[in-house]
Protein backbone atom coordinates (compact mmCIF):
# COMPACT_ATOMS: atom_id res chain seq x y z
CA MET A 1 0.10 -0.03 -0.40
CA ASN A 2 0.93 3.70 -0.94
CA PRO A 3 0.09 6.10 1.55
CA ARG A 4 -0.55 9.07 -1.37
CA LEU A 5 -2.54 6.66 -3.81
CA THR A 6 -4.27 5.78 -0.82
CA LEU A 7 -5.21 9.63 0.44
CA ALA A 8 -5.60 10.80 -3.50
CA THR A 9 -8.45 7.48 -3.94
CA ALA A 10 -9.87 8.68 -0.63
CA ALA A 11 -9.95 12.72 -1.87
CA ARG A 12 -11.22 11.72 -5.06
CA VAL A 13 -14.57 9.82 -3.64
CA LEU A 14 -15.05 12.44 -1.43
CA ARG A 15 -15.31 14.77 -4.41
CA GLN A 16 -17.59 12.49 -6.44
CA VAL A 17 -19.92 12.30 -2.88
CA ARG A 18 -19.94 16.43 -2.63
CA ARG A 19 -21.24 16.52 -5.77
CA ASP A 20 -23.95 13.73 -5.60
CA ARG A 21 -26.88 15.37 -3.52
CA ARG A 22 -28.73 12.75 -3.64
CA THR A 23 -26.11 10.55 -1.39
CA LEU A 24 -25.34 13.24 0.66
CA ALA A 25 -28.89 13.73 1.67
CA LEU A 26 -29.59 9.88 2.23
CA LEU A 27 -26.07 9.60 4.29
CA ILE A 28 -26.81 12.79 6.50
CA VAL A 29 -30.62 13.14 5.91
CA MET A 30 -32.48 10.54 6.10
CA PRO A 31 -31.05 8.85 9.79
CA ILE A 32 -32.36 12.07 11.30
CA VAL A 33 -35.83 11.96 9.30
CA LEU A 34 -36.18 8.00 10.65
CA MET A 35 -35.22 9.36 14.27
CA GLY A 36 -37.72 12.11 14.22
CA LEU A 37 -40.33 9.91 13.14
CA LEU A 38 -39.21 7.42 15.94
CA ALA A 39 -39.47 10.03 18.33
CA TRP A 40 -42.97 11.00 16.89
CA ILE A 41 -44.28 7.68 17.10
CA TYR A 42 -43.49 7.18 20.56
CA VAL A 43 -44.39 11.02 21.50
CA ASP A 44 -44.93 10.99 25.24
CA SER A 45 -43.54 7.24 25.84
CA PRO A 46 -40.81 5.93 27.78
CA LEU A 47 -40.65 3.66 24.81
CA PHE A 48 -38.26 6.18 22.51
CA ASP A 49 -35.67 6.27 25.15
CA ARG A 50 -35.53 2.40 25.38
CA VAL A 51 -34.98 1.86 21.63
CA GLY A 52 -33.82 4.82 20.36
CA PRO A 53 -30.01 4.67 21.28
CA VAL A 54 -30.44 1.72 19.28
CA LEU A 55 -31.83 2.33 16.48
CA VAL A 56 -29.72 5.91 15.91
CA THR A 57 -26.64 3.48 15.88
CA ILE A 58 -28.28 0.56 13.20
CA PHE A 59 -29.53 3.06 10.80
CA PRO A 60 -26.36 4.25 10.03
CA PHE A 61 -24.56 1.04 9.70
CA VAL A 62 -27.62 0.32 7.11
CA ILE A 63 -27.21 3.36 5.06
CA MET A 64 -23.59 3.10 4.98
CA PHE A 65 -23.87 -0.34 4.11
CA VAL A 66 -26.15 0.20 1.23
CA VAL A 67 -24.38 3.49 -0.25
CA THR A 68 -20.95 1.79 -0.03
CA SER A 69 -21.57 -1.32 -1.60
CA VAL A 70 -23.46 0.18 -4.67
CA ALA A 71 -20.55 2.78 -4.82
CA THR A 72 -18.10 0.64 -5.16
CA LEU A 73 -20.06 -1.76 -7.85
CA ARG A 74 -20.51 1.70 -9.78
CA GLU A 75 -16.66 1.78 -10.64
CA ARG A 76 -16.40 -1.80 -11.20
CA THR A 77 -19.01 -1.65 -13.74
CA SER A 78 -18.29 1.54 -15.31
CA GLY A 79 -14.77 0.22 -16.01
CA THR A 80 -13.54 3.22 -13.54
CA LEU A 81 -12.03 0.73 -11.05
CA GLU A 82 -10.15 -1.53 -13.89
CA ARG A 83 -8.64 1.86 -15.57
CA LEU A 84 -7.69 2.73 -11.84
CA LEU A 85 -5.98 -0.80 -11.45
CA THR A 86 -3.83 -0.23 -14.30
CA THR A 87 -2.19 2.34 -12.69
CA PRO A 88 0.26 2.03 -9.43
CA LEU A 89 -2.98 2.02 -7.86
CA GLY A 90 -2.99 -1.27 -5.48
CA LYS A 91 -6.33 -3.26 -4.20
CA GLY A 92 -5.26 -2.45 -0.69
CA ASP A 93 -5.20 1.44 -1.67
CA LEU A 94 -8.45 1.36 -3.29
CA VAL A 95 -10.18 -0.18 -0.16
CA VAL A 96 -8.49 1.99 2.12
CA GLY A 97 -9.11 4.71 0.10
CA TYR A 98 -12.74 4.19 0.01
CA ALA A 99 -12.90 3.20 3.80
CA LEU A 100 -11.25 6.61 4.75
CA ALA A 101 -13.29 8.40 2.64
CA PHE A 102 -17.16 7.15 4.02
CA GLY A 103 -15.44 6.64 7.32
CA LEU A 104 -14.79 10.31 7.48
CA LEU A 105 -18.42 10.72 5.92
CA ALA A 106 -19.50 8.60 8.72
CA VAL A 107 -18.18 10.75 11.54
CA VAL A 108 -19.80 13.30 10.20
CA GLN A 109 -23.25 11.35 10.07
CA GLY A 110 -22.80 9.79 13.47
CA THR A 111 -22.03 13.76 15.06
CA VAL A 112 -24.94 15.12 13.37
CA VAL A 113 -27.41 12.58 13.90
CA THR A 114 -26.67 11.91 17.82
CA THR A 115 -26.21 15.46 18.41
CA ILE A 116 -29.71 16.16 16.91
CA THR A 117 -31.58 13.24 18.10
CA VAL A 118 -30.09 13.82 22.22
CA TRP A 119 -30.79 17.56 22.02
CA PHE A 120 -33.60 18.16 19.57
CA PHE A 121 -35.67 14.67 19.72
CA GLY A 122 -35.01 14.47 23.37
CA LEU A 123 -33.52 11.22 23.48
CA GLU A 124 -31.96 10.43 27.34
CA VAL A 125 -28.85 7.96 27.97
CA ALA A 126 -27.14 7.80 30.97
CA GLY A 127 -23.67 8.22 29.25
CA ALA A 128 -22.30 11.02 27.68
CA LEU A 129 -22.99 12.39 23.97
CA ALA A 130 -19.51 11.54 23.09
CA TRP A 131 -19.83 7.59 24.00
CA LEU A 132 -22.91 7.35 21.99
CA VAL A 133 -21.36 9.49 18.87
CA LEU A 134 -18.45 7.14 18.96
CA VAL A 135 -20.78 4.01 18.65
CA VAL A 136 -22.80 5.61 16.08
CA VAL A 137 -19.52 6.25 14.35
CA GLY A 138 -18.20 3.03 14.88
CA SER A 139 -21.26 1.60 13.23
CA GLY A 140 -21.15 3.44 10.79
CA VAL A 141 -17.80 2.49 9.63
CA LEU A 142 -18.84 -0.81 9.90
CA GLY A 143 -21.57 -0.72 7.91
CA THR A 144 -19.00 1.04 5.17
CA VAL A 145 -16.78 -1.71 5.15
CA LEU A 146 -19.02 -4.38 5.20
CA GLY A 147 -20.33 -2.77 2.38
CA LEU A 148 -17.25 -2.72 0.33
CA PHE A 149 -17.00 -6.31 1.32
CA ALA A 150 -20.16 -7.39 0.15
CA SER A 151 -19.79 -5.51 -3.45
CA ALA A 152 -17.29 -8.14 -4.72
CA PHE A 153 -20.81 -10.43 -4.46
CA ALA A 154 -22.71 -8.51 -6.99
CA SER A 155 -23.07 -8.05 -10.47
CA THR A 156 -25.70 -5.53 -10.73
CA GLU A 157 -26.45 -2.05 -8.65
CA PHE A 158 -29.95 -4.17 -8.09
CA GLN A 159 -27.90 -7.13 -7.01
CA ALA A 160 -25.94 -4.84 -4.18
CA VAL A 161 -29.36 -3.55 -2.56
CA GLN A 162 -30.50 -7.44 -2.48
CA LEU A 163 -27.62 -7.96 -0.18
CA MET A 164 -28.61 -5.59 2.63
CA PRO A 165 -31.35 -7.31 3.54
CA ALA A 166 -29.76 -10.73 3.39
CA THR A 167 -26.93 -9.66 5.24
CA VAL A 168 -28.35 -7.22 7.59
CA LEU A 169 -32.00 -8.37 8.40
CA PRO A 170 -30.55 -11.63 10.08
CA GLN A 171 -28.42 -9.58 12.24
CA PHE A 172 -31.33 -7.37 13.27
CA LEU A 173 -33.45 -10.26 14.90
CA LEU A 174 -30.37 -11.68 16.55
CA CYS A 175 -28.91 -8.34 17.94
CA GLY A 176 -30.88 -8.49 21.33
CA LEU A 177 -33.07 -5.31 19.99
CA LEU A 178 -35.92 -7.55 20.11
CA VAL A 179 -35.04 -10.45 22.86
CA PRO A 180 -31.91 -10.07 24.87
CA ARG A 181 -29.73 -12.01 23.39
CA ASP A 182 -29.15 -14.78 26.80
CA GLN A 183 -32.51 -15.79 25.93
CA LEU A 184 -32.51 -16.87 22.54
CA PRO A 185 -32.40 -20.49 21.67
CA ARG A 186 -28.76 -21.25 22.48
CA THR A 187 -27.83 -22.33 18.94
CA LEU A 188 -28.90 -18.87 17.93
CA GLU A 189 -27.42 -17.31 20.80
CA LEU A 190 -24.05 -18.69 19.85
CA VAL A 191 -25.11 -17.30 16.11
CA SER A 192 -25.46 -13.91 17.72
CA ASP A 193 -22.50 -14.12 19.46
CA VAL A 194 -19.99 -13.82 16.21
CA LEU A 195 -22.51 -11.22 14.38
CA PRO A 196 -20.90 -7.70 14.57
CA LEU A 197 -24.41 -6.05 15.00
CA SER A 198 -24.82 -7.56 18.20
CA TYR A 199 -21.97 -5.86 19.20
CA VAL A 200 -23.12 -2.39 18.42
CA VAL A 201 -26.16 -2.84 20.51
CA ASP A 202 -24.38 -4.08 23.21
CA ALA A 203 -22.25 -0.78 22.85
CA ALA A 204 -25.64 1.07 22.34
CA ASN A 205 -26.92 -0.47 25.50
CA ALA A 206 -23.86 0.06 27.48
CA VAL A 207 -24.08 3.94 26.89
CA ALA A 208 -28.00 4.23 27.51
CA GLY A 209 -27.85 2.50 31.16
CA SER A 210 -24.56 3.74 32.26
CA ALA A 211 -23.24 7.13 33.21
CA GLU A 212 -19.24 5.72 33.24
CA PRO A 213 -19.74 3.30 30.25
CA ALA A 214 -16.01 2.76 29.81
CA GLY A 215 -15.73 -0.24 31.32
CA ASP A 216 -18.41 -2.01 29.43
CA LEU A 217 -17.27 -0.09 26.26
CA GLY A 218 -14.02 -2.49 25.74
CA LEU A 219 -15.53 -5.81 24.70
CA PRO A 220 -17.71 -4.37 22.18
CA LEU A 221 -15.57 -1.60 20.37
CA LEU A 222 -12.76 -4.29 20.08
CA VAL A 223 -14.91 -6.54 18.54
CA ILE A 224 -16.58 -4.18 16.25
CA ALA A 225 -12.67 -2.75 15.06
CA ILE A 226 -11.64 -6.60 14.50
CA TRP A 227 -14.96 -7.08 12.31
CA ILE A 228 -13.70 -3.68 10.47
CA ALA A 229 -9.85 -5.02 10.19
CA VAL A 230 -11.25 -8.06 8.70
CA ALA A 231 -13.50 -6.99 6.36
CA LEU A 232 -10.75 -4.58 4.72
CA VAL A 233 -8.19 -7.10 4.48
CA LEU A 234 -11.45 -9.49 2.84
CA GLY A 235 -12.44 -6.70 0.26
CA SER A 236 -9.20 -6.26 -0.72
CA LEU A 237 -8.60 -9.95 -1.36
CA THR A 238 -12.11 -10.10 -3.05
CA LEU A 239 -12.24 -6.96 -5.36
CA ARG A 240 -12.63 -7.69 -8.77
CA ARG A 241 -10.88 -5.36 -11.65
CA ARG A 242 -14.74 -5.60 -13.05
CA THR A 243 -17.81 -7.26 -13.61
CA PRO A 244 -18.01 -10.08 -16.24
């Protein structure tokens, strides 16, 4: 990997996203709209404070997964990726560059969405706002790298979108939002123990339930970081120059 080429790739992706207002709206505005709708549904109900911390982390995960997988596939189907890889740019430079660009967008997304949800929509969590922002950003970055990896298995943008329910919905059912993971059937509990979204939910619950969540965040954040690293490696190894 060449740091200069990696940063150049990240800068190119950011310029492309800046010119795409629909993508920017999907990344920044849509999570705010969804959390606002949730707050409206649960107005004057304690359920918003119960499910809000988890959903404010899950929504960026899903959106970043979809946007990144489609954007990467578009590079491949348009021939851009094949042309780029005839230059000194390596697969690792491309994947990490994309991860840096969308990771920066995830930082902006997570900060804006979490701040508005807490200050404007009235979500209450026991932990500091900064901890919740950290978890939301980690969730967005995780969605980004999993989207990069998943794009290798799609041939069209429609197939990339189809990968979202196939990848995310099983995790949504097993992550502990609907039923605590320790109350799942033993086989499903073991499956949930290796799914990354389970640890995003664990981290969100730690921030929501404790004024000093640092001790409870260690394991979830470590597992999320491991998943991010593994997905980046696998994304580099499975990246194809073009779609047959």
